[in-house]
Protein backbone atom coordinates (compact mmCIF):
# COMPACT_ATOMS: atom_id res chain seq x y z
CA MET A 1 0.33 0.17 0.08
CA ASP A 2 1.58 3.43 -0.95
CA ASN A 3 1.16 6.22 1.20
CA ASN A 4 -1.78 8.35 -0.41
CA GLU A 5 -3.54 4.79 0.01
CA SER A 6 -2.50 4.30 3.45
CA ILE A 7 -3.81 7.96 4.45
CA GLN A 8 -6.96 7.61 2.48
CA GLU A 9 -7.77 4.53 3.98
CA PHE A 10 -7.39 6.01 7.58
CA ILE A 11 -9.54 9.05 6.58
CA LEU A 12 -12.47 6.44 5.39
CA ASN A 13 -12.09 4.49 8.56
CA ILE A 14 -12.13 7.86 10.88
CA SER A 15 -15.15 8.88 9.19
CA LYS A 16 -16.91 5.65 9.97
CA TRP A 17 -15.58 6.15 13.52
CA PHE A 18 -17.40 9.61 14.06
CA LYS A 19 -20.66 8.16 12.56
CA LEU A 20 -20.70 5.10 14.81
CA ASN A 21 -19.80 7.13 17.80
CA GLU A 22 -22.73 9.57 16.80
CA TYR A 23 -20.45 12.45 16.53
CA LYS A 24 -20.04 12.35 19.99
CA GLY A 25 -16.62 11.66 22.14
CA LEU A 26 -14.57 12.39 25.10
CA ASP A 27 -12.25 15.37 25.89
CA PRO A 28 -9.33 15.98 28.40
CA TYR A 29 -10.85 19.05 29.45
CA GLN A 30 -13.72 17.11 31.15
CA LEU A 31 -11.19 16.27 33.54
CA ASP A 32 -10.26 19.67 34.37
CA GLU A 33 -14.07 20.67 34.93
CA LYS A 34 -14.07 17.56 37.19
CA ALA A 35 -11.29 18.74 39.27
CA SER A 36 -12.35 22.35 39.31
CA GLY A 37 -15.62 21.12 40.52
CA LEU A 38 -13.93 19.43 43.65
CA ILE A 39 -11.47 22.45 44.31
CA ARG A 40 -14.31 24.79 44.78
CA ARG A 41 -15.71 22.37 47.34
CA PHE A 42 -11.90 21.76 48.71
CA PRO A 43 -10.41 24.51 48.02
CA PHE A 44 -6.85 22.92 49.57
CA LEU A 45 -6.96 20.36 46.36
CA LYS A 46 -5.94 23.42 43.96
CA TYR A 47 -2.23 23.04 45.42
CA VAL A 48 -2.46 19.54 44.49
CA ARG A 49 -3.70 20.25 41.27
CA LYS A 50 -0.69 22.21 40.62
CA LEU A 51 1.36 19.77 41.57
CA LEU A 52 -0.09 17.10 39.28
CA LYS A 53 -0.36 19.54 36.00
CA PRO A 54 3.21 18.32 34.70
CA PHE A 55 1.83 14.54 34.94
CA HIS A 56 -1.18 15.39 32.73
CA ALA A 57 0.07 13.59 29.82
CA LEU A 58 0.15 10.36 32.06
CA ILE A 59 -3.55 10.39 32.86
CA PRO A 60 -4.82 6.73 32.08
CA LYS A 61 -7.47 5.77 30.12
CA SER A 62 -9.64 4.82 33.03
CA SER A 63 -9.84 8.45 34.39
CA PHE A 64 -12.58 9.11 31.65
CA SER A 65 -14.76 5.91 31.78
CA SER A 66 -17.16 7.68 34.05
CA PHE A 67 -17.67 10.65 31.65
CA PRO A 68 -20.49 11.09 29.17
CA LYS A 69 -19.30 11.05 25.69
CA ILE A 70 -20.14 15.05 24.22
CA TYR A 71 -20.92 16.85 21.35
CA HIS A 72 -18.01 19.54 20.98
CA PRO A 73 -18.74 22.41 18.40
CA LYS A 74 -15.55 23.05 17.45
CA ALA A 75 -15.23 18.82 16.74
CA LEU A 76 -18.16 18.95 14.72
CA GLY A 77 -16.87 21.91 12.76
CA LEU A 78 -13.64 20.14 11.82
CA ILE A 79 -15.67 17.13 10.49
CA ILE A 80 -17.50 19.34 8.37
CA GLY A 81 -14.54 20.41 7.11
CA GLY A 82 -12.97 17.22 6.60
CA ASN A 83 -16.15 15.77 4.88
CA SER A 84 -16.20 18.52 2.53
CA LEU A 85 -12.39 18.02 1.76
CA LEU A 86 -12.86 14.17 1.35
CA PHE A 87 -15.75 14.92 -1.21
CA LYS A 88 -13.42 16.46 -3.32
CA LEU A 89 -11.21 13.41 -3.38
CA THR A 90 -14.12 10.77 -3.78
CA GLY A 91 -17.14 12.81 -5.50
CA ASN A 92 -19.34 10.98 -2.69
CA LYS A 93 -22.33 12.89 -2.11
CA ASP A 94 -23.41 11.44 0.80
CA LEU A 95 -20.42 13.45 2.76
CA LEU A 96 -22.31 16.73 2.03
CA GLU A 97 -26.03 15.46 3.24
CA GLU A 98 -24.12 14.30 6.29
CA ASN A 99 -22.64 17.74 6.66
CA TYR A 100 -26.42 19.11 6.67
CA ASN A 101 -27.30 17.09 9.47
CA LEU A 102 -24.10 18.44 11.63
CA LEU A 103 -24.67 21.97 10.70
CA ASN A 104 -28.49 21.51 12.53
CA ILE A 105 -26.46 20.01 15.34
CA LEU A 106 -24.41 22.95 15.61
CA ARG A 107 -27.41 25.10 15.26
CA ASN A 108 -28.92 23.59 18.31
CA LEU A 109 -25.42 23.89 20.51
CA ARG A 110 -25.30 27.81 19.63
CA ASN A 111 -25.43 30.03 22.41
CA ARG A 112 -28.79 31.63 22.58
CA ASP A 113 -27.46 34.49 24.75
CA TYR A 114 -26.42 36.32 21.33
CA LYS A 115 -28.42 36.84 18.20
CA HIS A 116 -25.97 35.36 15.71
CA LEU A 117 -23.94 32.35 15.77
CA ALA A 118 -21.63 31.45 18.19
CA TRP A 119 -20.49 28.64 20.65
CA GLY A 120 -18.24 27.91 23.22
CA SER A 121 -16.68 24.70 24.79
CA PRO A 122 -19.35 22.17 26.39
CA PHE A 123 -17.60 22.36 29.77
CA GLU A 124 -16.03 25.05 31.95
CA TRP A 125 -12.42 25.82 31.80
CA GLY A 126 -9.63 28.35 32.41
CA SER A 127 -8.54 29.66 35.39
CA LYS A 128 -8.05 33.55 34.77
CA PRO A 129 -11.01 34.12 33.78
CA ARG A 130 -13.14 30.97 34.23
CA TYR A 131 -15.04 30.30 31.11
CA LEU A 132 -18.36 28.69 32.03
CA ILE A 133 -19.99 26.18 29.59
CA ASN A 134 -20.91 27.47 26.15
CA THR A 135 -18.86 31.17 26.59
CA PRO A 136 -18.19 31.77 23.15
CA ALA A 137 -14.60 32.28 22.01
CA VAL A 138 -12.72 33.57 18.76
CA CYS A 139 -10.47 30.75 19.08
CA LEU A 140 -13.35 28.34 18.78
CA ILE A 141 -15.69 30.07 16.69
CA SER A 142 -13.15 30.82 13.61
CA PRO A 143 -12.27 27.59 12.95
CA ILE A 144 -15.88 26.27 12.67
CA GLY A 145 -16.42 29.36 10.33
CA ASN A 146 -13.27 27.87 8.11
CA ALA A 147 -14.03 24.60 7.86
CA ILE A 148 -18.06 25.34 6.84
CA LEU A 149 -16.35 27.54 4.40
CA ASP A 150 -14.82 24.59 3.05
CA PHE A 151 -18.52 22.99 2.84
CA TYR A 152 -19.62 26.17 1.01
CA GLU A 153 -16.78 25.79 -1.43
CA ALA A 154 -17.70 22.02 -2.04
CA SER A 155 -21.58 22.61 -2.31
CA LEU A 156 -22.07 26.16 -3.47
CA GLN A 157 -25.13 26.18 -1.30
CA THR A 158 -26.70 29.96 -0.65
CA GLU A 159 -27.59 28.35 3.07
CA VAL A 160 -24.12 27.21 3.74
CA LEU A 161 -22.80 30.78 2.93
CA ASP A 162 -25.66 32.69 5.01
CA PHE A 163 -24.32 30.25 7.94
CA CYS A 164 -21.07 31.64 7.69
CA LYS A 165 -22.25 35.19 7.31
CA ASP A 166 -24.25 34.79 10.53
CA ILE A 167 -20.72 33.76 12.28
CA SER A 168 -19.38 36.60 10.95
CA LEU A 169 -21.96 38.99 12.40
CA HIS A 170 -21.01 37.48 15.75
CA ILE A 171 -17.40 38.10 15.54
CA LEU A 172 -17.72 41.52 14.10
CA ASN A 173 -20.66 42.88 16.25
CA GLU A 174 -21.14 41.02 19.55
CA ASN A 175 -17.53 39.61 20.36
CA GLY A 176 -15.84 42.99 20.92
CA TYR A 177 -12.63 44.45 19.78
CA LYS A 178 -10.16 47.10 20.53
CA SER A 179 -9.13 49.57 18.03
CA ILE A 180 -5.36 50.36 18.60
CA ASP A 181 -5.22 52.85 15.36
CA GLU A 182 -6.51 53.47 12.20
CA ASN A 183 -5.04 50.46 10.61
CA THR A 184 -5.03 47.93 13.52
CA ILE A 185 -7.90 46.08 15.24
CA CYS A 186 -7.55 43.30 18.07
CA LEU A 187 -10.62 41.09 18.47
CA TYR A 188 -10.67 40.24 22.04
CA TYR A 189 -10.91 36.51 23.11
CA SER A 190 -14.13 36.31 24.03
CA PRO A 191 -17.40 38.84 24.81
CA VAL A 192 -16.81 38.14 28.50
CA ASP A 193 -13.08 39.20 28.34
CA LYS A 194 -10.55 41.43 26.93
CA ASN A 195 -7.47 39.08 26.57
CA GLU A 196 -5.61 39.82 23.16
CA VAL A 197 -4.63 36.64 21.89
CA TYR A 198 -2.68 36.44 18.72
CA ASN A 199 -3.69 33.07 17.26
CA SER A 200 -7.05 33.54 17.77
CA ASN A 201 -7.06 37.31 15.57
CA ALA A 202 -5.20 35.26 12.87
CA LEU A 203 -7.81 32.63 12.64
CA ALA A 204 -10.59 35.11 12.42
CA ALA A 205 -8.86 37.43 9.98
CA LYS A 206 -8.30 33.86 7.79
CA PHE A 207 -12.16 33.48 8.34
CA LEU A 208 -13.22 36.76 7.20
CA PHE A 209 -10.81 37.18 4.52
CA ARG A 210 -12.15 34.06 2.95
CA LEU A 211 -15.74 35.11 3.42
CA SER A 212 -15.32 38.59 2.32
CA ASN A 213 -13.78 37.34 -1.00
CA HIS A 214 -17.42 35.01 -1.78
CA LEU A 215 -19.35 37.87 -0.77
CA ASN A 216 -17.40 40.61 -2.34
CA ASP A 217 -17.64 42.54 0.72
CA ILE A 218 -14.74 45.40 0.73
CA GLU A 219 -15.56 46.45 4.10
CA MET A 220 -15.15 43.14 5.54
CA LYS A 221 -12.20 42.58 3.95
CA GLU A 222 -10.81 46.06 5.26
CA ILE A 223 -11.24 45.12 8.95
CA ALA A 224 -9.55 41.71 8.25
CA GLU A 225 -6.89 43.67 7.16
CA LYS A 226 -6.82 45.46 10.26
CA ILE A 227 -6.87 42.19 12.47
CA THR A 228 -3.88 41.02 10.16
CA ASN A 229 -2.06 44.19 11.13
CA TYR A 230 -2.65 43.39 14.48
CA VAL A 231 -0.98 39.75 14.58
CA LEU A 232 1.92 41.13 12.38
CA THR A 233 2.61 43.62 15.14
CA GLY A 234 2.86 40.82 17.81
CA GLN A 235 5.90 39.04 15.62
CA ASN A 236 8.99 38.84 18.06
CA ILE A 237 12.31 39.47 15.98
CA ASP A 238 13.27 36.15 16.15
CA GLY A 239 10.09 35.27 14.20
CA SER A 240 8.15 33.69 16.82
CA TRP A 241 4.89 35.03 18.44
CA VAL A 242 4.14 34.41 22.47
CA TYR A 243 0.38 33.64 23.04
CA SER A 244 -1.12 36.84 23.98
CA ASP A 245 -0.06 40.52 25.36
CA SER A 246 -0.13 38.84 28.88
CA SER A 247 1.25 35.47 28.15
CA ASP A 248 5.27 34.86 26.96
CA VAL A 249 4.48 31.34 26.00
CA ILE A 250 5.48 30.17 22.80
CA ASP A 251 4.22 26.83 21.52
CA ASN A 252 3.57 24.47 18.60
CA ARG A 253 0.36 24.75 17.49
CA HIS A 254 -0.82 28.24 18.25
CA THR A 255 2.04 29.23 16.14
CA GLY A 256 0.88 26.98 13.88
CA PHE A 257 -2.30 28.57 13.58
CA ILE A 258 -0.82 31.62 12.95
CA LEU A 259 1.18 30.37 9.82
CA GLU A 260 -1.62 28.42 8.75
CA SER A 261 -3.60 31.68 8.73
CA LEU A 262 -0.92 33.79 7.06
CA ALA A 263 -0.41 31.15 4.48
CA SER A 264 -4.32 31.60 3.47
CA ILE A 265 -4.39 35.50 4.11
CA ARG A 266 -1.63 35.92 1.70
CA ARG A 267 -4.14 35.24 -1.19
CA TYR A 268 -6.29 38.02 -0.60
CA TYR A 269 -3.80 40.60 1.39
CA ARG A 270 -1.08 41.43 -1.15
CA SER A 271 1.92 42.93 0.95
CA GLU A 272 5.51 42.68 1.58
CA LEU A 273 5.11 42.61 5.54
CA ILE A 274 2.95 39.43 5.40
CA GLU A 275 5.36 37.77 3.02
CA ARG A 276 8.40 38.68 5.43
CA ALA A 277 6.56 37.81 8.55
CA TYR A 278 5.10 34.44 7.04
CA GLY A 279 8.68 33.57 6.00
CA LYS A 280 10.38 34.64 9.09
CA GLY A 281 7.66 32.99 11.10
CA LEU A 282 8.10 29.55 9.23
CA ALA A 283 11.80 29.77 9.89
CA TYR A 284 11.39 29.74 13.19
CA TYR A 285 8.85 27.30 13.23
CA MET A 286 10.95 24.72 11.26
CA GLU A 287 14.10 25.62 13.52
CA ARG A 288 12.87 25.60 16.94
CA LEU A 289 9.55 24.05 17.19
CA MET A 290 10.50 21.09 14.96
CA ASP A 291 12.63 18.28 16.42
CA ASN A 292 14.07 15.65 13.61
CA GLY A 293 10.85 16.54 11.24
CA LEU A 294 8.31 16.15 14.43
CA PRO A 295 6.61 18.48 16.43
CA ARG A 296 7.79 20.21 19.62
CA TRP A 297 5.35 21.03 22.68
CA SER A 298 7.80 24.23 22.74
CA PRO A 299 11.10 25.39 21.79
CA GLU A 300 12.87 23.87 24.72
CA LYS A 301 10.75 20.29 25.00
CA THR A 302 9.81 17.86 22.45
CA TYR A 303 8.22 14.89 24.79
CA PRO A 304 5.83 13.67 25.12
CA ILE A 305 4.55 14.58 21.53
CA ASP A 306 0.90 15.54 21.33
CA ILE A 307 -1.60 14.31 18.62
CA HIS A 308 -2.98 18.24 18.51
CA ASP A 309 0.19 19.36 17.68
CA VAL A 310 0.79 16.60 15.29
CA ALA A 311 -2.48 17.73 13.34
CA GLN A 312 -1.46 21.13 13.25
CA SER A 313 2.23 20.84 12.00
CA VAL A 314 0.24 18.76 9.11
CA ILE A 315 -1.80 21.56 8.26
CA THR A 316 1.05 24.04 8.66
CA PHE A 317 2.97 22.37 5.90
CA THR A 318 0.43 21.49 3.82
CA GLU A 319 -0.66 25.23 3.74
CA ALA A 320 3.31 26.10 3.25
CA GLU A 321 3.20 23.62 0.26
CA ASP A 322 5.61 21.23 2.13
CA LEU A 323 4.19 17.94 1.65
CA LYS A 324 7.06 16.07 2.19
CA ARG A 325 7.57 17.34 5.74
CA ALA A 326 3.56 16.98 6.05
CA ASN A 327 3.41 13.58 5.05
CA TYR A 328 6.55 12.31 7.05
CA ILE A 329 4.39 13.88 10.17
CA ALA A 330 1.05 12.43 8.91
CA ASN A 331 2.88 8.72 8.63
CA PHE A 332 4.67 8.94 12.03
CA ALA A 333 1.05 9.46 13.38
CA ILE A 334 -0.69 6.59 11.86
CA GLU A 335 2.58 4.23 12.51
CA ASN A 336 3.01 5.42 16.04
CA MET A 337 0.03 7.04 17.61
CA SER A 338 -2.95 5.33 16.54
CA ASN A 339 -4.27 1.95 16.43
CA GLY A 340 -3.54 0.96 13.02
CA LYS A 341 -7.28 1.92 11.98
CA ASP A 342 -9.32 4.53 13.17
CA GLU A 343 -7.97 5.97 16.15
CA PHE A 344 -5.24 8.50 17.06
CA TYR A 345 -4.01 8.43 20.49
CA PHE A 346 -3.08 11.42 22.82
CA LYS A 347 0.88 11.11 23.56
CA PHE A 348 3.73 9.83 22.55
CA PHE A 349 6.81 9.53 24.74
CA LYS A 350 10.64 9.27 24.30
CA SER A 351 10.45 5.76 25.45
CA GLY A 352 8.10 5.12 22.44
CA LYS A 353 5.04 4.37 24.88
CA VAL A 354 2.08 6.04 23.83
CA ASN A 355 -0.93 7.26 26.32
CA LYS A 356 -3.94 5.48 24.25
CA ASN A 357 -6.50 8.13 25.24
CA VAL A 358 -8.89 8.82 22.21
CA PHE A 359 -10.46 12.60 22.14
CA ILE A 360 -12.64 13.34 19.69
CA ARG A 361 -11.69 17.27 19.45
CA TRP A 362 -8.27 17.01 20.33
CA GLY A 363 -7.29 14.35 18.07
CA GLN A 364 -9.56 12.79 16.04
CA ALA A 365 -11.10 15.79 14.47
CA TRP A 366 -8.09 17.50 14.17
CA MET A 367 -6.55 14.68 12.45
CA TYR A 368 -9.24 13.98 10.36
CA TYR A 369 -9.36 17.68 8.82
CA ALA A 370 -5.54 17.40 8.49
CA LEU A 371 -5.04 14.26 6.51
CA THR A 372 -8.01 15.50 4.19
CA LYS A 373 -6.49 18.67 3.83
CA LEU A 374 -2.86 16.83 2.96
CA MET A 375 -4.68 14.40 0.81
CA VAL A 376 -6.12 17.06 -1.58
CA GLU A 377 -2.78 18.60 -2.33
CA ASN A 378 -0.87 15.06 -2.13
CA GLU A 379 -3.82 14.19 -5.20
CA LYS A 380 -2.78 17.79 -7.17
CA ASP A 381 0.92 16.74 -6.89
CA ILE A 382 0.75 13.62 -8.74
């Protein structure tokens, strides 16, 4: 079996896995939510939690045995995007019909405190601030929007485009933003706080550029340019981006989100500044956030390798048209971080051991989207 056949077989099997599990699954943050509930009852446990945090990669599968499988809006969005890309490969119209069912589920999951389509996670998470269940966040909404645009580009159905327009109205009118100068806007992380986060702005700008192109909406495009300008101002001299204005953390996947977004934005926003920022950022990513072809957690730490980072690095290199690197990472994951059929595992350790937790958002949906995106480009390259 050649490389493309191996990847496509896995894609088809994951698609069946989603249906078999009715698009529900476990999420690593369910454990965090339960721990936070205990801490509210027994405050001294917060110190124990801090001590245990470095060992979260070792969480056994049995820890999740009592949790219900849940819908996660981001997972549903990524599945819609993966189905749309798989349709391009196979021409199977059942995938598009499946997407309409998933759109209906997303409609039902929306946060109804807002006029326009918006979602949060189906659990409490975070610490400062603590996000309540279904609190909208740009980092969650924008990937959903981008994936549903994939659906529109596959189906060309007006109702799908209207769905995306409604998402954009939440981002532009209900989320909130900070006007830094006449050429620069920063979207807040969420309507309930004013955190300024680079990767969430990059993902939103990508979505708004793509949507404005389909709508021929010049005003939306200008706003997307101003959001992109904010992302560019955050780049460090060495090409990296910290997570936010209040955090100096640099990691693989959030850097990947920015690079993936800039790779797309370059098609709509012609600027030497973007070209330089993207080139410099990609060079940093390859030098400091990759280790012998595999994604590092951070510039200082490689292991354990996280499946979310694996998925994002496949997307990042696919968008960079570096299919050799993207295929190497994809094949590593299939050979070393999966059951060989339809499930991807949480963590891969330096010893070769694997944490075999399977999470629908964190691993399954992101890998499905990454592999279908890669396969579309592989087919073009033949």
